[in-house]
Amino acid sequence: MSKRLFVLLIALMSLSLIGIIFVQGYWIKTAVENREEQFSMNVNQILKSVSDAIQQREIREFADVMMENMDSLGDPDMSEIAKLFI
């Protein structure tokens, strides 16, 4: 094998290796971006579900207090309802 052919093969292998490194770097960068986006979406979804659960609990507690007041006092007037929000 001549020295010239050997140098040409080394150059081509080096270019191929550099190309593979760039492709892997691109794949890693894309994978990290996708994971960050997925994490952000999961956090937003969990926060929304927690917020909905808290809201439902507060509505249930309010309804329980209203029913208790209606049972003990008859129809509550506006001042009694306003006290519930304080």
C-alpha atoms as a PDB file:
ATOM      1  CA  MET A   1       0.000   0.000   0.000  1.00  0.00           C
ATOM      2  CA  SER A   2       1.456   3.311  -0.988  1.00  0.00           C
ATOM      3  CA  LYS A   3       1.937   6.115   1.480  1.00  0.00           C
ATOM      4  CA  ARG A   4      -0.442   8.337  -0.505  1.00  0.00           C
ATOM      5  CA  LEU A   5      -3.295   5.799  -0.315  1.00  0.00           C
ATOM      6  CA  PHE A   6      -2.662   5.349   3.406  1.00  0.00           C
ATOM      7  CA  VAL A   7      -2.896   9.123   4.045  1.00  0.00           C
ATOM      8  CA  LEU A   8      -6.088   9.309   1.952  1.00  0.00           C
ATOM      9  CA  LEU A   9      -7.677   6.480   3.968  1.00  0.00           C
ATOM     10  CA  ILE A  10      -6.709   8.146   7.253  1.00  0.00           C
ATOM     11  CA  ALA A  11      -8.234  11.451   6.070  1.00  0.00           C
ATOM     12  CA  LEU A  12     -11.481   9.768   4.969  1.00  0.00           C
ATOM     13  CA  MET A  13     -11.767   7.834   8.244  1.00  0.00           C
ATOM     14  CA  SER A  14     -11.159  11.035  10.203  1.00  0.00           C
ATOM     15  CA  LEU A  15     -13.879  12.859   8.269  1.00  0.00           C
ATOM     16  CA  SER A  16     -16.260   9.946   8.840  1.00  0.00           C
ATOM     17  CA  LEU A  17     -15.497   9.937  12.560  1.00  0.00           C
ATOM     18  CA  ILE A  18     -16.038  13.702  12.811  1.00  0.00           C
ATOM     19  CA  GLY A  19     -19.359  13.315  10.974  1.00  0.00           C
ATOM     20  CA  ILE A  20     -20.482  10.581  13.367  1.00  0.00           C
ATOM     21  CA  ILE A  21     -19.534  12.742  16.367  1.00  0.00           C
ATOM     22  CA  PHE A  22     -21.585  15.667  15.025  1.00  0.00           C
ATOM     23  CA  VAL A  23     -24.607  13.427  14.373  1.00  0.00           C
ATOM     24  CA  GLN A  24     -24.424  11.992  17.892  1.00  0.00           C
ATOM     25  CA  GLY A  25     -24.107  15.490  19.346  1.00  0.00           C
ATOM     26  CA  TYR A  26     -27.221  16.564  17.433  1.00  0.00           C
ATOM     27  CA  TRP A  27     -29.142  13.513  18.671  1.00  0.00           C
ATOM     28  CA  ILE A  28     -28.110  14.139  22.270  1.00  0.00           C
ATOM     29  CA  LYS A  29     -29.074  17.824  22.035  1.00  0.00           C
ATOM     30  CA  THR A  30     -32.470  16.929  20.558  1.00  0.00           C
ATOM     31  CA  ALA A  31     -33.075  14.263  23.216  1.00  0.00           C
ATOM     32  CA  VAL A  32     -32.280  16.722  26.032  1.00  0.00           C
ATOM     33  CA  GLU A  33     -34.610  19.359  24.552  1.00  0.00           C
ATOM     34  CA  ASN A  34     -37.402  16.784  24.212  1.00  0.00           C
ATOM     35  CA  ARG A  35     -36.947  15.640  27.819  1.00  0.00           C
ATOM     36  CA  GLU A  36     -37.038  19.230  29.089  1.00  0.00           C
ATOM     37  CA  GLU A  37     -40.227  19.915  27.135  1.00  0.00           C
ATOM     38  CA  GLN A  38     -41.797  16.682  28.392  1.00  0.00           C
ATOM     39  CA  PHE A  39     -40.835  17.549  31.988  1.00  0.00           C
ATOM     40  CA  SER A  40     -42.354  21.017  31.643  1.00  0.00           C
ATOM     41  CA  MET A  41     -45.584  19.578  30.268  1.00  0.00           C
ATOM     42  CA  ASN A  42     -45.768  17.011  33.090  1.00  0.00           C
ATOM     43  CA  VAL A  43     -45.218  19.693  35.733  1.00  0.00           C
ATOM     44  CA  ASN A  44     -47.954  21.881  34.224  1.00  0.00           C
ATOM     45  CA  GLN A  45     -50.343  18.930  34.074  1.00  0.00           C
ATOM     46  CA  ILE A  46     -49.666  17.979  37.698  1.00  0.00           C
ATOM     47  CA  LEU A  47     -50.087  21.583  38.875  1.00  0.00           C
ATOM     48  CA  LYS A  48     -53.417  21.795  37.056  1.00  0.00           C
ATOM     49  CA  SER A  49     -54.667  18.549  38.593  1.00  0.00           C
ATOM     50  CA  VAL A  50     -53.620  19.685  42.092  1.00  0.00           C
ATOM     51  CA  SER A  51     -55.314  23.037  41.532  1.00  0.00           C
ATOM     52  CA  ASP A  52     -58.502  21.295  40.389  1.00  0.00           C
ATOM     53  CA  ALA A  53     -58.433  18.999  43.428  1.00  0.00           C
ATOM     54  CA  ILE A  54     -58.022  21.953  45.808  1.00  0.00           C
ATOM     55  CA  GLN A  55     -60.832  23.818  44.082  1.00  0.00           C
ATOM     56  CA  GLN A  56     -63.155  20.801  44.314  1.00  0.00           C
ATOM     57  CA  ARG A  57     -62.312  20.376  48.011  1.00  0.00           C
ATOM     58  CA  GLU A  58     -63.066  24.047  48.712  1.00  0.00           C
ATOM     59  CA  ILE A  59     -66.373  23.825  46.847  1.00  0.00           C
ATOM     60  CA  ARG A  60     -67.292  20.694  48.806  1.00  0.00           C
ATOM     61  CA  GLU A  61     -66.399  22.355  52.123  1.00  0.00           C
ATOM     62  CA  PHE A  62     -68.410  25.456  51.197  1.00  0.00           C
ATOM     63  CA  ALA A  63     -71.405  23.331  50.233  1.00  0.00           C
ATOM     64  CA  ASP A  64     -71.175  21.409  53.516  1.00  0.00           C
ATOM     65  CA  VAL A  65     -71.148  24.639  55.540  1.00  0.00           C
ATOM     66  CA  MET A  66     -74.049  26.049  53.506  1.00  0.00           C
ATOM     67  CA  MET A  67     -76.094  22.892  54.006  1.00  0.00           C
ATOM     68  CA  GLU A  68     -75.341  22.931  57.731  1.00  0.00           C
ATOM     69  CA  ASN A  69     -76.425  26.582  57.984  1.00  0.00           C
ATOM     70  CA  MET A  70     -79.564  25.931  55.965  1.00  0.00           C
ATOM     71  CA  ASP A  71     -80.455  22.974  58.184  1.00  0.00           C
ATOM     72  CA  SER A  72     -79.905  24.826  61.458  1.00  0.00           C
ATOM     73  CA  LEU A  73     -81.178  28.296  60.523  1.00  0.00           C
ATOM     74  CA  GLY A  74     -83.529  27.759  57.639  1.00  0.00           C
ATOM     75  CA  ASP A  75     -82.654  29.967  54.698  1.00  0.00           C
ATOM     76  CA  PRO A  76     -79.489  31.943  55.537  1.00  0.00           C
ATOM     77  CA  ASP A  77     -79.459  35.668  54.832  1.00  0.00           C
ATOM     78  CA  MET A  78     -76.645  37.495  52.991  1.00  0.00           C
ATOM     79  CA  SER A  79     -74.740  38.410  56.181  1.00  0.00           C
ATOM     80  CA  GLU A  80     -74.443  34.740  57.142  1.00  0.00           C
ATOM     81  CA  ILE A  81     -73.231  33.862  53.646  1.00  0.00           C
ATOM     82  CA  ALA A  82     -70.705  36.715  53.747  1.00  0.00           C
ATOM     83  CA  LYS A  83     -69.268  35.332  57.005  1.00  0.00           C
ATOM     84  CA  LEU A  84     -68.377  32.118  55.173  1.00  0.00           C
ATOM     85  CA  PHE A  85     -65.987  33.985  52.878  1.00  0.00           C
ATOM     86  CA  ILE A  86     -64.110  35.714  55.698  1.00  0.00           C
END
